[in-house]
């Protein structure tokens, strides 16, 4: 029997994993891990995947600037044309501008995204990046890893690993995009 969502209380099926303060602590830790694993900031370029990978990459850049006194180059990547499900997303998908801060050849690209799920978004992002050059390496940083991979893609740095069911959705919110910050798991009742 299908579940019926409660219309009286739409928050009844939502649980908070990270509030705004916890989320900022996690992003600060992630910024430190990026520098530590690289052994510095030389040749690093941060690239945020639209939409919520962008504010994640901006905040990481800000924390690295605060900790290291270095302003890392920052790019924005739109992957809509590279998606393998483009025809199912929307009849006329909106493609936005990608902007990289310069050549990425021989650079270490730190690709930032909000949620890692099947791996298909990251596959599309890798295809898009290659159109801009040949980085020395690409490192993946995600705010939330919820599992259920369909492709062999793993993050290098994870803000928070979340055990979910297929019937749940992970929502990462940033002030710049959503008007609030936090990470929630929402029961959708779908995919059971």
N, C-alpha and C. Protein backbone atom coordinates (compact mmCIF):
# COMPACT_ATOMS: atom_id res chain seq x y z
N UNK A 1 0.84 -1.18 0.00
CA UNK A 1 0.00 0.00 0.00
C UNK A 1 0.89 1.24 0.00
N UNK A 2 0.67 2.20 -0.89
CA UNK A 2 1.52 3.39 -0.94
C UNK A 2 1.32 4.27 0.27
N UNK A 3 2.40 4.92 0.67
CA UNK A 3 2.33 5.86 1.79
C UNK A 3 1.69 7.15 1.34
N UNK A 4 0.93 7.75 2.22
CA UNK A 4 0.33 9.05 1.95
C UNK A 4 1.07 10.05 2.82
N UNK A 5 1.62 11.08 2.17
CA UNK A 5 2.34 12.10 2.92
C UNK A 5 1.36 12.97 3.69
N UNK A 6 1.78 13.36 4.86
CA UNK A 6 0.96 14.24 5.68
C UNK A 6 1.00 15.65 5.11
N UNK A 7 -0.15 16.18 4.72
CA UNK A 7 -0.23 17.53 4.20
C UNK A 7 -0.30 18.56 5.33
N UNK A 8 -0.73 18.12 6.52
CA UNK A 8 -0.82 19.05 7.64
C UNK A 8 0.55 19.51 8.11
N UNK A 9 1.53 18.61 8.11
CA UNK A 9 2.86 18.96 8.58
C UNK A 9 3.91 18.46 7.60
N UNK A 10 4.29 19.29 6.61
CA UNK A 10 5.25 18.83 5.62
C UNK A 10 6.63 18.55 6.20
N UNK A 11 6.92 19.04 7.43
CA UNK A 11 8.21 18.79 8.05
C UNK A 11 8.24 17.47 8.82
N UNK A 12 7.10 16.81 8.91
CA UNK A 12 7.02 15.56 9.68
C UNK A 12 7.93 14.48 9.10
N UNK A 13 8.19 14.53 7.80
CA UNK A 13 9.00 13.51 7.14
C UNK A 13 10.43 13.98 6.92
N UNK A 14 10.90 14.95 7.70
CA UNK A 14 12.23 15.56 7.53
C UNK A 14 13.00 15.39 8.85
N UNK A 15 14.26 14.98 8.72
CA UNK A 15 15.12 14.97 9.91
C UNK A 15 16.40 15.72 9.59
N UNK A 16 16.81 16.55 10.50
CA UNK A 16 18.00 17.36 10.31
C UNK A 16 19.23 16.56 10.68
N UNK A 17 20.19 16.54 9.77
CA UNK A 17 21.46 15.85 9.98
C UNK A 17 22.50 16.85 10.48
N UNK A 18 22.56 18.03 9.83
CA UNK A 18 23.46 19.11 10.24
C UNK A 18 22.69 20.42 10.24
N UNK A 19 22.81 21.17 11.33
CA UNK A 19 22.24 22.52 11.32
C UNK A 19 23.29 23.47 10.75
N UNK A 20 22.97 24.76 10.67
CA UNK A 20 23.86 25.74 10.03
C UNK A 20 25.24 25.79 10.70
N UNK A 21 25.27 25.79 12.02
CA UNK A 21 26.55 25.87 12.74
C UNK A 21 27.38 24.61 12.51
N UNK A 22 26.75 23.45 12.60
CA UNK A 22 27.47 22.19 12.37
C UNK A 22 27.99 22.12 10.94
N UNK A 23 27.18 22.61 10.00
CA UNK A 23 27.58 22.59 8.59
C UNK A 23 28.82 23.44 8.37
N UNK A 24 28.90 24.59 9.00
CA UNK A 24 30.08 25.45 8.86
C UNK A 24 31.32 24.80 9.44
N UNK A 25 31.18 24.11 10.56
CA UNK A 25 32.32 23.38 11.14
C UNK A 25 32.81 22.28 10.19
N UNK A 26 31.86 21.59 9.56
CA UNK A 26 32.21 20.52 8.62
C UNK A 26 32.93 21.10 7.41
N UNK A 27 32.45 22.20 6.86
CA UNK A 27 33.08 22.81 5.68
C UNK A 27 34.49 23.30 6.03
N UNK A 28 34.65 23.86 7.22
CA UNK A 28 35.99 24.29 7.67
C UNK A 28 36.94 23.09 7.73
N UNK A 29 36.45 21.97 8.27
CA UNK A 29 37.27 20.75 8.35
C UNK A 29 37.64 20.27 6.95
N UNK A 30 36.67 20.30 6.03
CA UNK A 30 36.92 19.86 4.66
C UNK A 30 38.00 20.72 4.00
N UNK A 31 37.94 22.03 4.22
CA UNK A 31 38.96 22.95 3.67
C UNK A 31 40.34 22.57 4.20
N UNK A 32 40.43 22.29 5.49
CA UNK A 32 41.70 21.87 6.09
C UNK A 32 42.19 20.56 5.50
N UNK A 33 41.28 19.62 5.27
CA UNK A 33 41.66 18.33 4.69
C UNK A 33 42.21 18.48 3.28
N UNK A 34 41.60 19.39 2.50
CA UNK A 34 42.08 19.61 1.13
C UNK A 34 43.54 20.05 1.16
N UNK A 35 43.85 21.02 2.00
CA UNK A 35 45.22 21.54 2.09
C UNK A 35 46.16 20.47 2.64
N UNK A 36 45.71 19.76 3.66
CA UNK A 36 46.55 18.74 4.29
C UNK A 36 46.87 17.59 3.32
N UNK A 37 45.85 17.09 2.62
CA UNK A 37 46.08 15.97 1.70
C UNK A 37 46.96 16.38 0.53
N UNK A 38 46.89 17.63 0.12
CA UNK A 38 47.71 18.12 -0.99
C UNK A 38 49.10 18.52 -0.51
N UNK A 39 49.23 18.80 0.78
CA UNK A 39 50.50 19.28 1.30
C UNK A 39 50.72 20.74 0.96
N UNK A 40 49.64 21.49 0.85
CA UNK A 40 49.70 22.91 0.49
C UNK A 40 48.62 23.27 -0.50
N UNK A 41 48.80 24.42 -1.14
CA UNK A 41 47.77 24.91 -2.06
C UNK A 41 48.27 25.09 -3.49
N UNK A 42 49.53 24.73 -3.75
CA UNK A 42 50.09 24.90 -5.10
C UNK A 42 49.27 24.14 -6.13
N UNK A 43 48.97 24.79 -7.24
CA UNK A 43 48.30 24.20 -8.40
C UNK A 43 46.86 23.76 -8.14
N UNK A 44 46.27 24.17 -7.02
CA UNK A 44 44.88 23.81 -6.74
C UNK A 44 43.93 24.79 -7.41
N UNK A 45 42.86 24.25 -8.00
CA UNK A 45 41.77 25.04 -8.56
C UNK A 45 40.47 24.44 -8.03
N UNK A 46 39.64 25.24 -7.39
CA UNK A 46 38.34 24.79 -6.91
C UNK A 46 37.30 24.99 -8.00
N UNK A 47 36.48 23.97 -8.25
CA UNK A 47 35.41 24.07 -9.24
C UNK A 47 34.13 23.54 -8.62
N UNK A 48 33.12 24.40 -8.54
CA UNK A 48 31.82 24.01 -7.99
C UNK A 48 30.87 23.61 -9.10
N UNK A 49 30.18 22.49 -8.90
CA UNK A 49 29.15 22.05 -9.84
C UNK A 49 27.86 22.78 -9.51
N UNK A 50 27.25 23.41 -10.53
CA UNK A 50 25.98 24.09 -10.31
C UNK A 50 24.95 23.09 -9.83
N UNK A 51 24.16 23.34 -8.87
CA UNK A 51 23.92 24.62 -8.27
C UNK A 51 24.61 24.70 -6.91
N UNK A 52 24.43 23.72 -6.06
CA UNK A 52 24.90 23.85 -4.68
C UNK A 52 26.37 23.49 -4.48
N UNK A 53 27.02 23.00 -5.50
CA UNK A 53 28.46 22.83 -5.42
C UNK A 53 29.19 24.16 -5.47
N UNK A 54 28.52 25.17 -6.02
CA UNK A 54 29.13 26.50 -6.14
C UNK A 54 29.30 27.16 -4.77
N UNK A 55 28.23 27.30 -3.95
CA UNK A 55 28.47 27.90 -2.64
C UNK A 55 29.37 27.04 -1.75
N UNK A 56 29.37 25.72 -1.94
CA UNK A 56 30.29 24.87 -1.18
C UNK A 56 31.73 25.23 -1.55
N UNK A 57 32.02 25.35 -2.84
CA UNK A 57 33.38 25.69 -3.26
C UNK A 57 33.78 27.09 -2.81
N UNK A 58 32.84 28.02 -2.82
CA UNK A 58 33.13 29.38 -2.36
C UNK A 58 33.47 29.41 -0.87
N UNK A 59 32.72 28.66 -0.07
CA UNK A 59 33.00 28.62 1.36
C UNK A 59 34.32 27.92 1.65
N UNK A 60 34.61 26.86 0.92
CA UNK A 60 35.90 26.18 1.09
C UNK A 60 37.03 27.16 0.75
N UNK A 61 36.88 27.88 -0.37
CA UNK A 61 37.88 28.89 -0.75
C UNK A 61 38.07 29.92 0.37
N UNK A 62 36.98 30.38 0.96
CA UNK A 62 37.06 31.39 2.02
C UNK A 62 37.79 30.84 3.25
N UNK A 63 37.51 29.59 3.63
CA UNK A 63 38.20 29.00 4.78
C UNK A 63 39.68 28.78 4.49
N UNK A 64 40.01 28.37 3.27
CA UNK A 64 41.43 28.20 2.92
C UNK A 64 42.14 29.55 2.94
N UNK A 65 41.50 30.58 2.46
CA UNK A 65 42.08 31.93 2.51
C UNK A 65 42.35 32.33 3.96
N UNK A 66 41.38 32.06 4.83
CA UNK A 66 41.51 32.39 6.25
C UNK A 66 42.65 31.61 6.90
N UNK A 67 42.77 30.33 6.56
CA UNK A 67 43.77 29.46 7.20
C UNK A 67 45.17 29.62 6.61
N UNK A 68 45.23 29.78 5.27
CA UNK A 68 46.52 29.74 4.57
C UNK A 68 46.96 31.10 4.02
N UNK A 69 46.04 32.05 3.99
CA UNK A 69 46.37 33.35 3.41
C UNK A 69 46.55 33.31 1.90
N UNK A 70 45.89 32.35 1.25
CA UNK A 70 46.01 32.15 -0.20
C UNK A 70 44.62 32.21 -0.81
N UNK A 71 44.50 32.92 -1.93
CA UNK A 71 43.24 32.99 -2.68
C UNK A 71 43.30 31.97 -3.82
N UNK A 72 42.59 30.86 -3.67
CA UNK A 72 42.59 29.84 -4.72
C UNK A 72 41.70 30.26 -5.88
N UNK A 73 42.10 29.91 -7.11
CA UNK A 73 41.22 30.15 -8.26
C UNK A 73 39.93 29.35 -8.11
N UNK A 74 38.83 29.93 -8.57
CA UNK A 74 37.52 29.32 -8.37
C UNK A 74 36.76 29.30 -9.68
N UNK A 75 36.20 28.14 -10.02
CA UNK A 75 35.41 28.00 -11.23
C UNK A 75 34.02 27.48 -10.95
N UNK A 76 33.16 27.60 -11.95
CA UNK A 76 31.77 27.14 -11.88
C UNK A 76 31.52 26.26 -13.09
N UNK A 77 30.92 25.09 -12.87
CA UNK A 77 30.71 24.14 -13.95
C UNK A 77 29.23 23.78 -14.04
N UNK A 78 28.65 23.99 -15.22
CA UNK A 78 27.28 23.54 -15.48
C UNK A 78 27.38 22.25 -16.28
N UNK A 79 26.72 21.21 -15.81
CA UNK A 79 26.86 19.89 -16.44
C UNK A 79 25.62 19.45 -17.20
N UNK A 80 24.62 20.31 -17.32
CA UNK A 80 23.35 19.89 -17.91
C UNK A 80 23.50 19.23 -19.28
N UNK A 81 24.33 19.76 -20.16
CA UNK A 81 24.47 19.17 -21.49
C UNK A 81 25.21 17.83 -21.48
N UNK A 82 25.83 17.48 -20.36
CA UNK A 82 26.61 16.25 -20.27
C UNK A 82 25.86 15.13 -19.54
N UNK A 83 24.66 15.43 -19.07
CA UNK A 83 23.89 14.44 -18.31
C UNK A 83 23.42 13.31 -19.20
N UNK A 84 23.41 12.09 -18.67
CA UNK A 84 22.92 10.96 -19.46
C UNK A 84 21.40 10.82 -19.35
N UNK A 85 20.78 11.65 -18.51
CA UNK A 85 19.33 11.63 -18.36
C UNK A 85 18.70 12.96 -18.80
N UNK A 86 19.38 13.68 -19.68
CA UNK A 86 18.95 15.01 -20.09
C UNK A 86 17.50 15.03 -20.58
N UNK A 87 17.11 14.03 -21.35
CA UNK A 87 15.76 14.02 -21.90
C UNK A 87 14.70 13.76 -20.84
N UNK A 88 15.08 13.19 -19.71
CA UNK A 88 14.09 12.92 -18.66
C UNK A 88 14.04 14.01 -17.60
N UNK A 89 15.03 14.90 -17.58
CA UNK A 89 15.07 15.97 -16.58
C UNK A 89 14.03 17.04 -16.87
N UNK A 90 14.00 17.51 -18.11
CA UNK A 90 13.05 18.54 -18.51
C UNK A 90 13.00 18.59 -20.02
N UNK A 91 11.86 19.04 -20.55
CA UNK A 91 11.74 19.14 -22.00
C UNK A 91 12.75 20.14 -22.56
N UNK A 92 12.92 21.27 -21.86
CA UNK A 92 13.88 22.29 -22.26
C UNK A 92 14.76 22.62 -21.06
N UNK A 93 15.78 21.79 -20.81
CA UNK A 93 16.63 22.03 -19.64
C UNK A 93 17.37 23.37 -19.75
N UNK A 94 17.51 24.03 -18.62
CA UNK A 94 18.20 25.31 -18.59
C UNK A 94 19.70 25.08 -18.46
N UNK A 95 20.42 25.58 -19.44
CA UNK A 95 21.87 25.46 -19.41
C UNK A 95 22.43 26.82 -19.02
N UNK A 96 23.24 26.81 -17.98
CA UNK A 96 23.85 28.05 -17.49
C UNK A 96 25.33 28.06 -17.85
N UNK A 97 25.94 29.19 -17.63
CA UNK A 97 27.34 29.38 -17.99
C UNK A 97 28.28 28.59 -17.08
N UNK A 98 29.29 28.01 -17.70
CA UNK A 98 30.43 27.46 -16.97
C UNK A 98 31.54 28.48 -17.07
N UNK A 99 32.26 28.70 -15.98
CA UNK A 99 33.38 29.64 -15.96
C UNK A 99 34.53 29.01 -15.21
N UNK A 100 35.63 28.83 -15.89
CA UNK A 100 36.82 28.37 -15.21
C UNK A 100 37.79 29.54 -15.13
N UNK A 101 38.60 29.61 -14.06
CA UNK A 101 39.44 30.78 -13.83
C UNK A 101 40.64 30.89 -14.76
N UNK A 102 40.84 29.91 -15.59
CA UNK A 102 41.98 29.89 -16.50
C UNK A 102 42.19 28.46 -16.97
N UNK A 103 43.29 28.19 -17.63
CA UNK A 103 43.56 26.83 -18.09
C UNK A 103 43.66 25.86 -16.90
N UNK A 104 43.13 24.66 -17.10
CA UNK A 104 43.21 23.65 -16.03
C UNK A 104 44.26 22.59 -16.34
N UNK A 105 44.93 22.73 -17.49
CA UNK A 105 45.98 21.78 -17.84
C UNK A 105 47.03 21.74 -16.73
N UNK A 106 47.36 20.52 -16.31
CA UNK A 106 48.38 20.27 -15.29
C UNK A 106 48.04 20.86 -13.92
N UNK A 107 46.78 21.21 -13.70
CA UNK A 107 46.33 21.69 -12.39
C UNK A 107 45.67 20.55 -11.63
N UNK A 108 45.54 20.73 -10.33
CA UNK A 108 44.80 19.78 -9.50
C UNK A 108 43.43 20.41 -9.26
N UNK A 109 42.42 19.84 -9.91
CA UNK A 109 41.07 20.37 -9.83
C UNK A 109 40.37 19.70 -8.66
N UNK A 110 39.84 20.53 -7.76
CA UNK A 110 39.04 20.04 -6.64
C UNK A 110 37.60 20.30 -7.02
N UNK A 111 36.90 19.25 -7.40
CA UNK A 111 35.52 19.31 -7.86
C UNK A 111 34.61 19.22 -6.64
N UNK A 112 33.72 20.21 -6.48
CA UNK A 112 32.87 20.29 -5.29
C UNK A 112 31.41 20.11 -5.67
N UNK A 113 30.70 19.26 -4.91
CA UNK A 113 29.26 19.07 -5.11
C UNK A 113 28.58 18.87 -3.77
N UNK A 114 27.27 19.04 -3.76
CA UNK A 114 26.54 18.95 -2.50
C UNK A 114 26.29 17.50 -2.07
N UNK A 115 25.72 16.66 -2.95
CA UNK A 115 25.36 15.29 -2.57
C UNK A 115 25.91 14.32 -3.60
N UNK A 116 26.57 13.29 -3.14
CA UNK A 116 26.99 12.19 -4.01
C UNK A 116 26.01 11.05 -3.81
N UNK A 117 25.39 10.64 -4.91
CA UNK A 117 24.37 9.60 -4.85
C UNK A 117 24.77 8.49 -5.84
N UNK A 118 24.28 8.51 -7.05
CA UNK A 118 24.57 7.44 -8.01
C UNK A 118 25.95 7.58 -8.65
N UNK A 119 26.48 8.80 -8.70
CA UNK A 119 27.76 9.06 -9.35
C UNK A 119 27.60 9.62 -10.74
N UNK A 120 26.38 9.69 -11.24
CA UNK A 120 26.15 10.14 -12.62
C UNK A 120 26.43 11.64 -12.81
N UNK A 121 26.15 12.43 -11.80
CA UNK A 121 26.48 13.87 -11.88
C UNK A 121 27.98 14.06 -12.00
N UNK A 122 28.73 13.32 -11.23
CA UNK A 122 30.19 13.45 -11.25
C UNK A 122 30.74 12.95 -12.59
N UNK A 123 30.19 11.89 -13.12
CA UNK A 123 30.62 11.42 -14.44
C UNK A 123 30.42 12.52 -15.47
N UNK A 124 29.26 13.18 -15.43
CA UNK A 124 28.99 14.28 -16.36
C UNK A 124 29.96 15.43 -16.14
N UNK A 125 30.27 15.72 -14.88
CA UNK A 125 31.21 16.81 -14.57
C UNK A 125 32.61 16.49 -15.09
N UNK A 126 33.03 15.25 -14.99
CA UNK A 126 34.34 14.87 -15.51
C UNK A 126 34.39 15.04 -17.03
N UNK A 127 33.30 14.65 -17.71
CA UNK A 127 33.23 14.86 -19.16
C UNK A 127 33.31 16.34 -19.49
N UNK A 128 32.60 17.17 -18.74
CA UNK A 128 32.61 18.62 -18.99
C UNK A 128 34.00 19.19 -18.74
N UNK A 129 34.66 18.78 -17.67
CA UNK A 129 36.00 19.29 -17.36
C UNK A 129 37.00 19.02 -18.48
N UNK A 130 36.92 17.82 -19.05
CA UNK A 130 37.87 17.43 -20.09
C UNK A 130 37.75 18.34 -21.31
N UNK A 131 36.57 18.92 -21.53
CA UNK A 131 36.42 19.88 -22.63
C UNK A 131 37.22 21.15 -22.39
N UNK A 132 37.64 21.40 -21.15
CA UNK A 132 38.40 22.60 -20.80
C UNK A 132 39.90 22.35 -20.71
N UNK A 133 40.31 21.10 -20.74
CA UNK A 133 41.73 20.81 -20.65
C UNK A 133 41.98 19.48 -19.98
N UNK A 134 43.25 19.24 -19.68
CA UNK A 134 43.66 17.97 -19.07
C UNK A 134 44.31 18.25 -17.73
N UNK A 135 43.51 18.19 -16.65
CA UNK A 135 44.09 18.42 -15.33
C UNK A 135 45.07 17.31 -14.96
N UNK A 136 46.02 17.65 -14.10
CA UNK A 136 46.95 16.64 -13.58
C UNK A 136 46.17 15.58 -12.82
N UNK A 137 45.21 16.06 -12.01
CA UNK A 137 44.33 15.15 -11.29
C UNK A 137 43.06 15.89 -10.90
N UNK A 138 42.04 15.11 -10.59
CA UNK A 138 40.77 15.66 -10.13
C UNK A 138 40.46 15.02 -8.80
N UNK A 139 40.17 15.83 -7.81
CA UNK A 139 39.78 15.36 -6.49
C UNK A 139 38.32 15.72 -6.27
N UNK A 140 37.57 14.83 -5.67
CA UNK A 140 36.13 15.04 -5.45
C UNK A 140 35.86 15.32 -3.98
N UNK A 141 35.17 16.44 -3.75
CA UNK A 141 34.77 16.86 -2.41
C UNK A 141 33.26 17.00 -2.41
N UNK A 142 32.59 16.31 -1.49
CA UNK A 142 31.13 16.40 -1.41
C UNK A 142 30.70 16.68 0.03
N UNK A 143 29.63 17.45 0.14
CA UNK A 143 29.09 17.76 1.46
C UNK A 143 28.47 16.52 2.09
N UNK A 144 27.72 15.74 1.29
CA UNK A 144 27.04 14.55 1.81
C UNK A 144 27.20 13.39 0.84
N UNK A 145 27.55 12.23 1.38
CA UNK A 145 27.62 11.00 0.59
C UNK A 145 26.54 10.08 1.13
N UNK A 146 25.56 9.77 0.29
CA UNK A 146 24.43 8.96 0.74
C UNK A 146 24.45 7.52 0.22
N UNK A 147 25.49 7.17 -0.56
CA UNK A 147 25.58 5.80 -1.05
C UNK A 147 24.73 5.56 -2.28
N UNK A 148 24.46 4.28 -2.57
CA UNK A 148 23.67 3.83 -3.72
C UNK A 148 24.34 4.14 -5.06
N UNK A 149 25.65 3.97 -5.12
CA UNK A 149 26.40 4.27 -6.33
C UNK A 149 25.99 3.35 -7.48
N UNK A 150 25.87 3.92 -8.67
CA UNK A 150 25.64 3.16 -9.90
C UNK A 150 26.89 3.14 -10.76
N UNK A 151 27.83 4.03 -10.47
CA UNK A 151 29.10 4.10 -11.18
C UNK A 151 30.24 4.04 -10.16
N UNK A 152 31.42 3.57 -10.57
CA UNK A 152 32.52 3.42 -9.61
C UNK A 152 33.21 4.76 -9.32
N UNK A 153 32.49 5.64 -8.63
CA UNK A 153 33.01 6.97 -8.29
C UNK A 153 32.96 7.12 -6.78
N UNK A 154 34.08 7.53 -6.20
CA UNK A 154 34.16 7.71 -4.75
C UNK A 154 34.74 9.09 -4.44
N UNK A 155 34.28 9.71 -3.37
CA UNK A 155 34.81 11.03 -3.00
C UNK A 155 36.16 10.91 -2.31
N UNK A 156 36.96 11.95 -2.44
CA UNK A 156 38.22 12.03 -1.72
C UNK A 156 38.01 12.63 -0.33
N UNK A 157 37.07 13.57 -0.24
CA UNK A 157 36.75 14.20 1.05
C UNK A 157 35.23 14.30 1.15
N UNK A 158 34.71 13.86 2.29
CA UNK A 158 33.26 13.86 2.53
C UNK A 158 32.98 14.68 3.78
N UNK A 159 32.02 15.58 3.65
CA UNK A 159 31.59 16.33 4.81
C UNK A 159 30.87 15.44 5.81
N UNK A 160 29.89 14.69 5.33
CA UNK A 160 29.11 13.82 6.20
C UNK A 160 28.60 12.63 5.40
N UNK A 161 28.86 11.42 5.88
CA UNK A 161 28.34 10.21 5.25
C UNK A 161 27.00 9.89 5.91
N UNK A 162 25.99 9.72 5.07
CA UNK A 162 24.63 9.54 5.58
C UNK A 162 24.07 8.22 5.07
N UNK A 163 23.59 7.40 5.98
CA UNK A 163 22.90 6.17 5.59
C UNK A 163 21.45 6.53 5.28
N UNK A 164 21.05 6.20 4.08
CA UNK A 164 19.69 6.52 3.66
C UNK A 164 19.03 5.29 3.06
N UNK A 165 17.72 5.42 2.86
CA UNK A 165 16.96 4.44 2.10
C UNK A 165 16.71 5.05 0.73
N UNK A 166 16.41 4.22 -0.24
CA UNK A 166 16.10 4.74 -1.59
C UNK A 166 14.90 5.68 -1.55
N UNK A 167 14.01 5.50 -0.60
CA UNK A 167 12.81 6.32 -0.52
C UNK A 167 13.07 7.67 0.16
N UNK A 168 14.33 7.95 0.46
CA UNK A 168 14.68 9.22 1.10
C UNK A 168 15.50 10.08 0.14
N UNK A 169 15.48 11.37 0.42
CA UNK A 169 16.24 12.33 -0.36
C UNK A 169 17.11 13.13 0.62
N UNK A 170 18.33 13.46 0.21
CA UNK A 170 19.20 14.30 1.03
C UNK A 170 19.14 15.71 0.46
N UNK A 171 18.84 16.66 1.31
CA UNK A 171 18.75 18.06 0.90
C UNK A 171 19.84 18.86 1.61
N UNK A 172 20.73 19.45 0.82
CA UNK A 172 21.76 20.34 1.35
C UNK A 172 21.32 21.76 0.99
N UNK A 173 21.27 22.62 2.00
CA UNK A 173 20.82 24.00 1.78
C UNK A 173 21.95 24.98 2.09
N UNK A 174 22.08 25.98 1.22
CA UNK A 174 23.03 27.07 1.42
C UNK A 174 22.28 28.38 1.43
N UNK A 175 22.69 29.28 2.30
CA UNK A 175 22.05 30.59 2.44
C UNK A 175 21.92 31.29 1.10
N UNK A 176 22.97 31.27 0.29
CA UNK A 176 22.99 32.00 -0.99
C UNK A 176 21.95 31.49 -1.97
N UNK A 177 21.60 30.22 -1.90
CA UNK A 177 20.68 29.60 -2.85
C UNK A 177 19.31 29.41 -2.24
N UNK A 178 19.28 28.96 -0.98
CA UNK A 178 18.03 28.51 -0.37
C UNK A 178 17.50 29.40 0.74
N UNK A 179 18.31 30.36 1.20
CA UNK A 179 17.87 31.22 2.29
C UNK A 179 18.11 30.65 3.67
N UNK A 180 18.66 29.45 3.75
CA UNK A 180 19.02 28.84 5.03
C UNK A 180 20.11 27.81 4.78
N UNK A 181 20.78 27.37 5.86
CA UNK A 181 21.86 26.38 5.75
C UNK A 181 21.49 25.14 6.55
N UNK A 182 21.87 24.00 6.05
CA UNK A 182 21.67 22.77 6.78
C UNK A 182 21.65 21.57 5.85
N UNK A 183 21.64 20.40 6.44
CA UNK A 183 21.52 19.14 5.70
C UNK A 183 20.40 18.35 6.35
N UNK A 184 19.43 17.98 5.53
CA UNK A 184 18.27 17.22 6.00
C UNK A 184 18.10 15.96 5.17
N UNK A 185 17.47 14.96 5.77
CA UNK A 185 17.01 13.79 5.05
C UNK A 185 15.49 13.85 5.05
N UNK A 186 14.91 13.67 3.87
CA UNK A 186 13.47 13.79 3.72
C UNK A 186 12.93 12.47 3.18
N UNK A 187 11.91 11.96 3.85
CA UNK A 187 11.23 10.75 3.40
C UNK A 187 10.28 11.14 2.27
N UNK A 188 10.49 10.55 1.08
CA UNK A 188 9.64 10.89 -0.06
C UNK A 188 8.54 9.86 -0.29
N UNK A 189 8.76 8.65 0.22
CA UNK A 189 7.79 7.59 -0.01
C UNK A 189 7.93 6.96 -1.38
N UNK A 190 8.87 7.48 -2.19
CA UNK A 190 9.08 6.95 -3.55
C UNK A 190 10.25 5.99 -3.54
N UNK A 191 10.29 5.10 -4.50
CA UNK A 191 11.43 4.22 -4.69
C UNK A 191 11.48 3.06 -3.71
N UNK A 192 10.37 2.75 -3.09
CA UNK A 192 10.37 1.63 -2.13
C UNK A 192 10.06 0.33 -2.81
